[in-house]
């Protein structure tokens, strides 16, 4: 069995995402999950005093990562209001804003308990509300971005490759 060529994989990907909205949903969902996981890993490392990461505290004021998420969401909203990343032929902008949306949403919802309770309860029992919010929103993103067309296109490609070399 031969490995599929990059061109064939790109074709399968392009066929799966003929509509840029579908690709944005998948990229947003993947980036949301990846950013959440990375953020939790980094915050645990900071708390344990391991690795190169530290809290951001200019002038003694702690800057929560939610701040960067909000800035990212504001940036994406502004871009989309001005149709940056939404028009024909703007696939790079579409992908970038989708990824920024997923990352910004994850950074913001990871501190949902902070903005709900107006206190820094990231490591308390109330901090669990953030996990609940991430799971709820992440589930919505996953449903919207099921990727069923991509799975179908990759299945077609696999069948083609197997037919060429049935060994």
Foldseek 3Di string as FASTA:
>chain_A
DDDDDPVLLVVLVCQLPVDLVLVLLQLLLVLLVVLLVVVVVLVVCQVVVHDDDHFDAVVNRTDQLLVVLVVLVVVLVVCVVVPQLPDPPRVVRVSVNSSSNSNSVNSNLQQVLCVVVVDPQCPHPSSVNSVVSSVVVSVVSCVSNVSPSSVVSVVVVVVVVCVVPVD
